Amino acid sequence: MKAGIFFTGSGPILVLTSYGSLSEPNLVEKLRAKGIKRFIAYEVPIDLVKQKYGNHYDVVLTDLKQEDDLRVMDYDGHHVFYNFSLMELGDPVYHEEE
């Protein structure tokens, strides 16, 4: 499982995914289907997400309404932005539709 903060036009969201990278074409396609066609994403350590979100992390993982390959952990942009230090973010992944 990987975790990533995706900075989109409407603000950052925190996503959990079983894909191998945040630039995986199938993940990008799933995001596009949700209206996210342009983003800057940063991987964050999954252990850090577990630590910061506690029981909510387990709840999201067991939510049967979400697909295994893409789960939205937090869509409150203000909360996501201020819950992580910028120093905790990995290298950026850029995506923009042509």
C-alpha atoms as a PDB file:
ATOM      1  CA  MET A   1       0.000   0.000   0.000  1.00  0.00           C
ATOM      2  CA  LYS A   2       1.221   3.506  -0.847  1.00  0.00           C
ATOM      3  CA  ALA A   3      -0.042   6.862   0.348  1.00  0.00           C
ATOM      4  CA  GLY A   4       0.117  10.069  -1.616  1.00  0.00           C
ATOM      5  CA  ILE A   5      -0.917  13.667  -1.276  1.00  0.00           C
ATOM      6  CA  PHE A   6      -2.349  14.885  -4.561  1.00  0.00           C
ATOM      7  CA  PHE A   7      -2.475  18.641  -5.067  1.00  0.00           C
ATOM      8  CA  THR A   8      -5.361  19.256  -7.453  1.00  0.00           C
ATOM      9  CA  GLY A   9      -7.305  22.268  -8.655  1.00  0.00           C
ATOM     10  CA  SER A  10      -9.660  22.018  -5.701  1.00  0.00           C
ATOM     11  CA  GLY A  11      -6.923  21.438  -3.103  1.00  0.00           C
ATOM     12  CA  PRO A  12      -4.940  18.525  -1.714  1.00  0.00           C
ATOM     13  CA  ILE A  13      -6.363  15.063  -1.040  1.00  0.00           C
ATOM     14  CA  LEU A  14      -4.721  12.108   0.676  1.00  0.00           C
ATOM     15  CA  VAL A  15      -5.066   8.845  -1.230  1.00  0.00           C
ATOM     16  CA  LEU A  16      -4.173   5.249  -0.420  1.00  0.00           C
ATOM     17  CA  THR A  17      -3.415   2.968  -3.341  1.00  0.00           C
ATOM     18  CA  SER A  18      -2.206  -0.540  -4.033  1.00  0.00           C
ATOM     19  CA  TYR A  19      -0.522   0.610  -7.262  1.00  0.00           C
ATOM     20  CA  GLY A  20       3.271   0.534  -7.333  1.00  0.00           C
ATOM     21  CA  SER A  21       3.684   4.242  -7.994  1.00  0.00           C
ATOM     22  CA  LEU A  22       1.712   7.473  -7.967  1.00  0.00           C
ATOM     23  CA  SER A  23       2.265   7.815 -11.715  1.00  0.00           C
ATOM     24  CA  GLU A  24       0.914   4.343 -12.581  1.00  0.00           C
ATOM     25  CA  PRO A  25      -1.226   4.757 -15.738  1.00  0.00           C
ATOM     26  CA  ASN A  26      -4.187   2.857 -14.252  1.00  0.00           C
ATOM     27  CA  LEU A  27      -4.147   5.089 -11.164  1.00  0.00           C
ATOM     28  CA  VAL A  28      -3.954   8.193 -13.335  1.00  0.00           C
ATOM     29  CA  GLU A  29      -6.931   6.877 -15.324  1.00  0.00           C
ATOM     30  CA  LYS A  30      -8.965   6.315 -12.144  1.00  0.00           C
ATOM     31  CA  LEU A  31      -8.203   9.851 -11.001  1.00  0.00           C
ATOM     32  CA  ARG A  32      -9.156  11.187 -14.444  1.00  0.00           C
ATOM     33  CA  ALA A  33     -12.488   9.364 -14.177  1.00  0.00           C
ATOM     34  CA  LYS A  34     -13.048  11.272 -10.914  1.00  0.00           C
ATOM     35  CA  GLY A  35     -12.356  14.580 -12.685  1.00  0.00           C
ATOM     36  CA  ILE A  36      -8.706  14.925 -11.645  1.00  0.00           C
ATOM     37  CA  LYS A  37      -6.821  15.549 -14.878  1.00  0.00           C
ATOM     38  CA  ARG A  38      -3.916  17.562 -13.537  1.00  0.00           C
ATOM     39  CA  PHE A  39      -2.010  17.127 -10.295  1.00  0.00           C
ATOM     40  CA  ILE A  40       1.236  17.247  -8.403  1.00  0.00           C
ATOM     41  CA  ALA A  41       1.553  14.234  -6.093  1.00  0.00           C
ATOM     42  CA  TYR A  42       3.946  13.428  -3.271  1.00  0.00           C
ATOM     43  CA  GLU A  43       4.341  10.024  -1.694  1.00  0.00           C
ATOM     44  CA  VAL A  44       4.198   9.997   2.093  1.00  0.00           C
ATOM     45  CA  PRO A  45       5.260   7.101   4.323  1.00  0.00           C
ATOM     46  CA  ILE A  46       2.346   4.774   5.020  1.00  0.00           C
ATOM     47  CA  ASP A  47       3.439   4.415   8.653  1.00  0.00           C
ATOM     48  CA  LEU A  48       3.171   8.184   9.049  1.00  0.00           C
ATOM     49  CA  VAL A  49      -0.392   8.097   7.668  1.00  0.00           C
ATOM     50  CA  LYS A  50      -1.279   5.296  10.116  1.00  0.00           C
ATOM     51  CA  GLN A  51       0.199   7.330  12.968  1.00  0.00           C
ATOM     52  CA  LYS A  52      -1.600  10.557  12.060  1.00  0.00           C
ATOM     53  CA  TYR A  53      -4.995   9.020  11.222  1.00  0.00           C
ATOM     54  CA  GLY A  54      -5.119   6.157  13.733  1.00  0.00           C
ATOM     55  CA  ASN A  55      -8.427   4.272  13.675  1.00  0.00           C
ATOM     56  CA  HIS A  56      -9.649   6.244  10.646  1.00  0.00           C
ATOM     57  CA  TYR A  57      -6.912   4.522   8.594  1.00  0.00           C
ATOM     58  CA  ASP A  58      -8.370   1.094   9.487  1.00  0.00           C
ATOM     59  CA  VAL A  59     -11.905   2.289   8.757  1.00  0.00           C
ATOM     60  CA  VAL A  60     -10.905   3.485   5.282  1.00  0.00           C
ATOM     61  CA  LEU A  61      -9.155   0.188   4.526  1.00  0.00           C
ATOM     62  CA  THR A  62     -12.280  -1.798   5.414  1.00  0.00           C
ATOM     63  CA  ASP A  63     -14.729   0.485   3.569  1.00  0.00           C
ATOM     64  CA  LEU A  64     -16.402  -1.830   1.074  1.00  0.00           C
ATOM     65  CA  LYS A  65     -17.675   1.115  -0.997  1.00  0.00           C
ATOM     66  CA  GLN A  66     -14.133   2.018  -2.108  1.00  0.00           C
ATOM     67  CA  GLU A  67     -11.996   0.018  -4.499  1.00  0.00           C
ATOM     68  CA  ASP A  68      -8.817  -1.661  -3.292  1.00  0.00           C
ATOM     69  CA  ASP A  69      -6.617   0.172  -5.754  1.00  0.00           C
ATOM     70  CA  LEU A  70      -7.760   3.706  -4.838  1.00  0.00           C
ATOM     71  CA  ARG A  71      -9.062   4.831  -1.466  1.00  0.00           C
ATOM     72  CA  VAL A  72      -9.485   8.448  -0.456  1.00  0.00           C
ATOM     73  CA  MET A  73      -8.123   8.819   3.064  1.00  0.00           C
ATOM     74  CA  ASP A  74      -8.833  12.548   3.493  1.00  0.00           C
ATOM     75  CA  TYR A  75     -10.415  15.061   1.131  1.00  0.00           C
ATOM     76  CA  ASP A  76     -10.342  18.028   3.517  1.00  0.00           C
ATOM     77  CA  GLY A  77      -7.605  20.022   1.787  1.00  0.00           C
ATOM     78  CA  HIS A  78      -6.880  22.264   4.758  1.00  0.00           C
ATOM     79  CA  HIS A  79      -6.519  19.248   7.057  1.00  0.00           C
ATOM     80  CA  VAL A  80      -4.298  17.348   4.599  1.00  0.00           C
ATOM     81  CA  PHE A  81      -2.074  20.363   3.964  1.00  0.00           C
ATOM     82  CA  TYR A  82      -1.466  21.117   7.621  1.00  0.00           C
ATOM     83  CA  ASN A  83      -1.329  17.493   8.823  1.00  0.00           C
ATOM     84  CA  PHE A  84       2.008  16.844   7.069  1.00  0.00           C
ATOM     85  CA  SER A  85       5.254  18.762   7.109  1.00  0.00           C
ATOM     86  CA  LEU A  86       6.533  19.668   3.666  1.00  0.00           C
ATOM     87  CA  MET A  87       9.794  18.000   4.732  1.00  0.00           C
ATOM     88  CA  GLU A  88       7.920  14.672   5.031  1.00  0.00           C
ATOM     89  CA  LEU A  89       6.949  14.651   1.360  1.00  0.00           C
ATOM     90  CA  GLY A  90       8.775  12.576  -1.230  1.00  0.00           C
ATOM     91  CA  ASP A  91       9.776  13.652  -4.720  1.00  0.00           C
ATOM     92  CA  PRO A  92       6.984  15.247  -6.766  1.00  0.00           C
ATOM     93  CA  VAL A  93       5.105  13.426  -9.506  1.00  0.00           C
ATOM     94  CA  TYR A  94       3.631  15.756 -12.115  1.00  0.00           C
ATOM     95  CA  HIS A  95       0.700  14.870 -14.343  1.00  0.00           C
ATOM     96  CA  GLU A  96      -1.032  17.012 -16.895  1.00  0.00           C
ATOM     97  CA  GLU A  97      -3.220  15.794 -19.729  1.00  0.00           C
ATOM     98  CA  GLU A  98      -1.990  16.766 -23.154  1.00  0.00           C
END
